């Protein structure tokens, strides 16, 4: 037991052992860093691909929206969705305020509580 303690004491004081441990730790950290760099490059490539796909989808949605507006404006009688409704859906117009029956006669100056439906 005493010999093992002496051996450990000499190893702790030996520069060669300390340098070897430090070199091993450096090698492990280097390998980990290389692996992380590969992961970063893969994620950046995936990001670029997703950005391109997202731009394509945005253009497609824009084209569909323009087509809907064109069809609703060109032939209002046969439009699936009226132009005014399309503008409200896409946020280009504010919806008309609904008329509340019996609310105007109270005259208390308070607006009725809005109901949120989900």
C-alpha atoms as a PDB file:
ATOM      1  CA  UNK A   1       0.000   0.000   0.000  1.00  0.00           C
ATOM      2  CA  UNK A   2       2.829   2.323   0.868  1.00  0.00           C
ATOM      3  CA  UNK A   3       4.528   1.568  -2.429  1.00  0.00           C
ATOM      4  CA  UNK A   4       1.391   2.521  -4.341  1.00  0.00           C
ATOM      5  CA  UNK A   5       1.192   5.822  -2.443  1.00  0.00           C
ATOM      6  CA  UNK A   6       4.858   6.524  -3.216  1.00  0.00           C
ATOM      7  CA  UNK A   7       4.271   5.691  -6.882  1.00  0.00           C
ATOM      8  CA  UNK A   8       1.320   8.079  -7.040  1.00  0.00           C
ATOM      9  CA  UNK A   9       3.323  10.779  -5.277  1.00  0.00           C
ATOM     10  CA  UNK A  10       6.183  10.449  -7.767  1.00  0.00           C
ATOM     11  CA  UNK A  11       3.724  10.452 -10.719  1.00  0.00           C
ATOM     12  CA  UNK A  12       2.062  13.616  -9.409  1.00  0.00           C
ATOM     13  CA  UNK A  13       5.424  15.324  -9.151  1.00  0.00           C
ATOM     14  CA  UNK A  14       6.654  14.089 -12.537  1.00  0.00           C
ATOM     15  CA  UNK A  15       6.424  16.592 -15.367  1.00  0.00           C
ATOM     16  CA  UNK A  16       6.272  13.773 -17.917  1.00  0.00           C
ATOM     17  CA  UNK A  17       3.089  12.333 -16.398  1.00  0.00           C
ATOM     18  CA  UNK A  18       1.460  15.772 -16.107  1.00  0.00           C
ATOM     19  CA  UNK A  19       2.433  16.646 -19.683  1.00  0.00           C
ATOM     20  CA  UNK A  20       1.047  13.323 -20.922  1.00  0.00           C
ATOM     21  CA  UNK A  21      -2.269  13.916 -19.136  1.00  0.00           C
ATOM     22  CA  UNK A  22      -2.481  17.452 -20.511  1.00  0.00           C
ATOM     23  CA  UNK A  23      -1.723  16.208 -24.034  1.00  0.00           C
ATOM     24  CA  UNK A  24      -4.437  13.557 -23.696  1.00  0.00           C
ATOM     25  CA  UNK A  25      -6.966  16.130 -22.491  1.00  0.00           C
ATOM     26  CA  UNK A  26      -5.978  18.424 -25.363  1.00  0.00           C
ATOM     27  CA  UNK A  27      -6.499  15.562 -27.849  1.00  0.00           C
ATOM     28  CA  UNK A  28      -9.939  14.774 -26.415  1.00  0.00           C
ATOM     29  CA  UNK A  29     -10.960  18.439 -26.580  1.00  0.00           C
ATOM     30  CA  UNK A  30      -9.667  18.697 -30.144  1.00  0.00           C
ATOM     31  CA  UNK A  31     -11.700  15.689 -31.248  1.00  0.00           C
ATOM     32  CA  UNK A  32     -14.800  17.129 -29.570  1.00  0.00           C
ATOM     33  CA  UNK A  33     -14.216  20.487 -31.240  1.00  0.00           C
ATOM     34  CA  UNK A  34     -13.892  18.898 -34.693  1.00  0.00           C
ATOM     35  CA  UNK A  35     -17.141  16.991 -34.162  1.00  0.00           C
ATOM     36  CA  UNK A  36     -18.945  20.161 -33.051  1.00  0.00           C
ATOM     37  CA  UNK A  37     -17.629  21.997 -36.115  1.00  0.00           C
ATOM     38  CA  UNK A  38     -19.041  19.264 -38.361  1.00  0.00           C
ATOM     39  CA  UNK A  39     -22.411  19.555 -36.625  1.00  0.00           C
ATOM     40  CA  UNK A  40     -22.385  23.338 -37.056  1.00  0.00           C
ATOM     41  CA  UNK A  41     -21.638  23.027 -40.776  1.00  0.00           C
ATOM     42  CA  UNK A  42     -24.443  20.483 -41.208  1.00  0.00           C
ATOM     43  CA  UNK A  43     -26.888  22.750 -39.378  1.00  0.00           C
ATOM     44  CA  UNK A  44     -25.860  25.748 -41.496  1.00  0.00           C
ATOM     45  CA  UNK A  45     -26.447  23.730 -44.678  1.00  0.00           C
ATOM     46  CA  UNK A  46     -29.859  22.671 -43.366  1.00  0.00           C
ATOM     47  CA  UNK A  47     -30.647  26.288 -42.476  1.00  0.00           C
ATOM     48  CA  UNK A  48     -29.817  27.438 -46.002  1.00  0.00           C
ATOM     49  CA  UNK A  49     -32.062  24.729 -47.420  1.00  0.00           C
ATOM     50  CA  UNK A  50     -34.910  25.699 -45.092  1.00  0.00           C
ATOM     51  CA  UNK A  51     -34.548  29.394 -45.919  1.00  0.00           C
ATOM     52  CA  UNK A  52     -34.798  28.615 -49.641  1.00  0.00           C
ATOM     53  CA  UNK A  53     -37.845  26.406 -49.083  1.00  0.00           C
ATOM     54  CA  UNK A  54     -39.458  29.077 -46.916  1.00  0.00           C
ATOM     55  CA  UNK A  55     -38.923  31.732 -49.604  1.00  0.00           C
ATOM     56  CA  UNK A  56     -40.485  29.404 -52.161  1.00  0.00           C
ATOM     57  CA  UNK A  57     -43.509  28.826 -49.934  1.00  0.00           C
ATOM     58  CA  UNK A  58     -43.927  32.550 -49.309  1.00  0.00           C
ATOM     59  CA  UNK A  59     -43.893  33.207 -53.047  1.00  0.00           C
ATOM     60  CA  UNK A  60     -46.452  30.464 -53.635  1.00  0.00           C
ATOM     61  CA  UNK A  61     -48.764  31.849 -50.943  1.00  0.00           C
ATOM     62  CA  UNK A  62     -48.340  35.360 -52.385  1.00  0.00           C
ATOM     63  CA  UNK A  63     -49.227  34.097 -55.863  1.00  0.00           C
ATOM     64  CA  UNK A  64     -52.310  32.274 -54.534  1.00  0.00           C
ATOM     65  CA  UNK A  65     -53.398  35.373 -52.660  1.00  0.00           C
ATOM     66  CA  UNK A  66     -53.021  37.523 -55.777  1.00  0.00           C
ATOM     67  CA  UNK A  67     -54.968  34.953 -57.807  1.00  0.00           C
ATOM     68  CA  UNK A  68     -57.789  34.939 -55.239  1.00  0.00           C
ATOM     69  CA  UNK A  69     -57.947  38.736 -55.274  1.00  0.00           C
ATOM     70  CA  UNK A  70     -57.923  38.780 -59.073  1.00  0.00           C
ATOM     71  CA  UNK A  71     -60.711  36.204 -59.367  1.00  0.00           C
ATOM     72  CA  UNK A  72     -62.857  37.901 -56.722  1.00  0.00           C
ATOM     73  CA  UNK A  73     -62.391  41.280 -58.387  1.00  0.00           C
ATOM     74  CA  UNK A  74     -62.877  40.068 -61.973  1.00  0.00           C
ATOM     75  CA  UNK A  75     -66.050  38.109 -61.364  1.00  0.00           C
ATOM     76  CA  UNK A  76     -67.688  39.053 -58.032  1.00  0.00           C
ATOM     77  CA  UNK A  77     -70.869  37.024 -58.699  1.00  0.00           C
ATOM     78  CA  UNK A  78     -69.053  33.706 -59.044  1.00  0.00           C
ATOM     79  CA  UNK A  79     -66.298  34.303 -56.472  1.00  0.00           C
ATOM     80  CA  UNK A  80     -66.003  31.600 -53.835  1.00  0.00           C
ATOM     81  CA  UNK A  81     -65.050  34.239 -51.248  1.00  0.00           C
ATOM     82  CA  UNK A  82     -66.077  37.884 -51.728  1.00  0.00           C
ATOM     83  CA  UNK A  83     -63.309  40.449 -52.162  1.00  0.00           C
ATOM     84  CA  UNK A  84     -64.253  42.304 -48.970  1.00  0.00           C
ATOM     85  CA  UNK A  85     -63.944  39.084 -46.964  1.00  0.00           C
ATOM     86  CA  UNK A  86     -60.576  38.312 -48.555  1.00  0.00           C
ATOM     87  CA  UNK A  87     -59.293  41.742 -47.596  1.00  0.00           C
ATOM     88  CA  UNK A  88     -60.385  41.179 -43.984  1.00  0.00           C
ATOM     89  CA  UNK A  89     -58.795  37.715 -43.931  1.00  0.00           C
ATOM     90  CA  UNK A  90     -55.460  39.037 -45.208  1.00  0.00           C
ATOM     91  CA  UNK A  91     -55.551  42.107 -42.947  1.00  0.00           C
ATOM     92  CA  UNK A  92     -55.888  44.649 -45.752  1.00  0.00           C
ATOM     93  CA  UNK A  93     -59.184  45.974 -44.395  1.00  0.00           C
ATOM     94  CA  UNK A  94     -60.781  46.159 -40.976  1.00  0.00           C
ATOM     95  CA  UNK A  95     -63.908  44.125 -40.406  1.00  0.00           C
ATOM     96  CA  UNK A  96     -67.170  46.016 -40.172  1.00  0.00           C
ATOM     97  CA  UNK A  97     -68.386  46.493 -36.604  1.00  0.00           C
ATOM     98  CA  UNK A  98     -71.300  44.163 -35.851  1.00  0.00           C
ATOM     99  CA  UNK A  99     -74.607  45.823 -34.953  1.00  0.00           C
ATOM    100  CA  UNK A 100     -75.743  44.872 -31.476  1.00  0.00           C
ATOM    101  CA  UNK A 101     -79.521  44.866 -31.068  1.00  0.00           C
ATOM    102  CA  UNK A 102     -80.794  46.966 -28.156  1.00  0.00           C
ATOM    103  CA  UNK A 103     -77.351  48.268 -27.248  1.00  0.00           C
ATOM    104  CA  UNK A 104     -77.779  51.797 -28.625  1.00  0.00           C
ATOM    105  CA  UNK A 105     -80.758  52.717 -26.435  1.00  0.00           C
ATOM    106  CA  UNK A 106     -78.985  52.390 -23.103  1.00  0.00           C
ATOM    107  CA  UNK A 107     -76.891  55.535 -23.493  1.00  0.00           C
ATOM    108  CA  UNK A 108     -74.534  54.729 -20.619  1.00  0.00           C
ATOM    109  CA  UNK A 109     -71.458  55.455 -22.769  1.00  0.00           C
ATOM    110  CA  UNK A 110     -69.865  52.086 -22.097  1.00  0.00           C
ATOM    111  CA  UNK A 111     -68.993  49.768 -24.928  1.00  0.00           C
ATOM    112  CA  UNK A 112     -70.310  46.216 -24.620  1.00  0.00           C
ATOM    113  CA  UNK A 113     -67.819  43.555 -23.582  1.00  0.00           C
ATOM    114  CA  UNK A 114     -66.369  41.739 -26.561  1.00  0.00           C
ATOM    115  CA  UNK A 115     -66.808  38.001 -26.757  1.00  0.00           C
ATOM    116  CA  UNK A 116     -63.860  35.891 -27.813  1.00  0.00           C
ATOM    117  CA  UNK A 117     -64.779  32.682 -29.552  1.00  0.00           C
ATOM    118  CA  UNK A 118     -62.206  29.994 -30.137  1.00  0.00           C
END
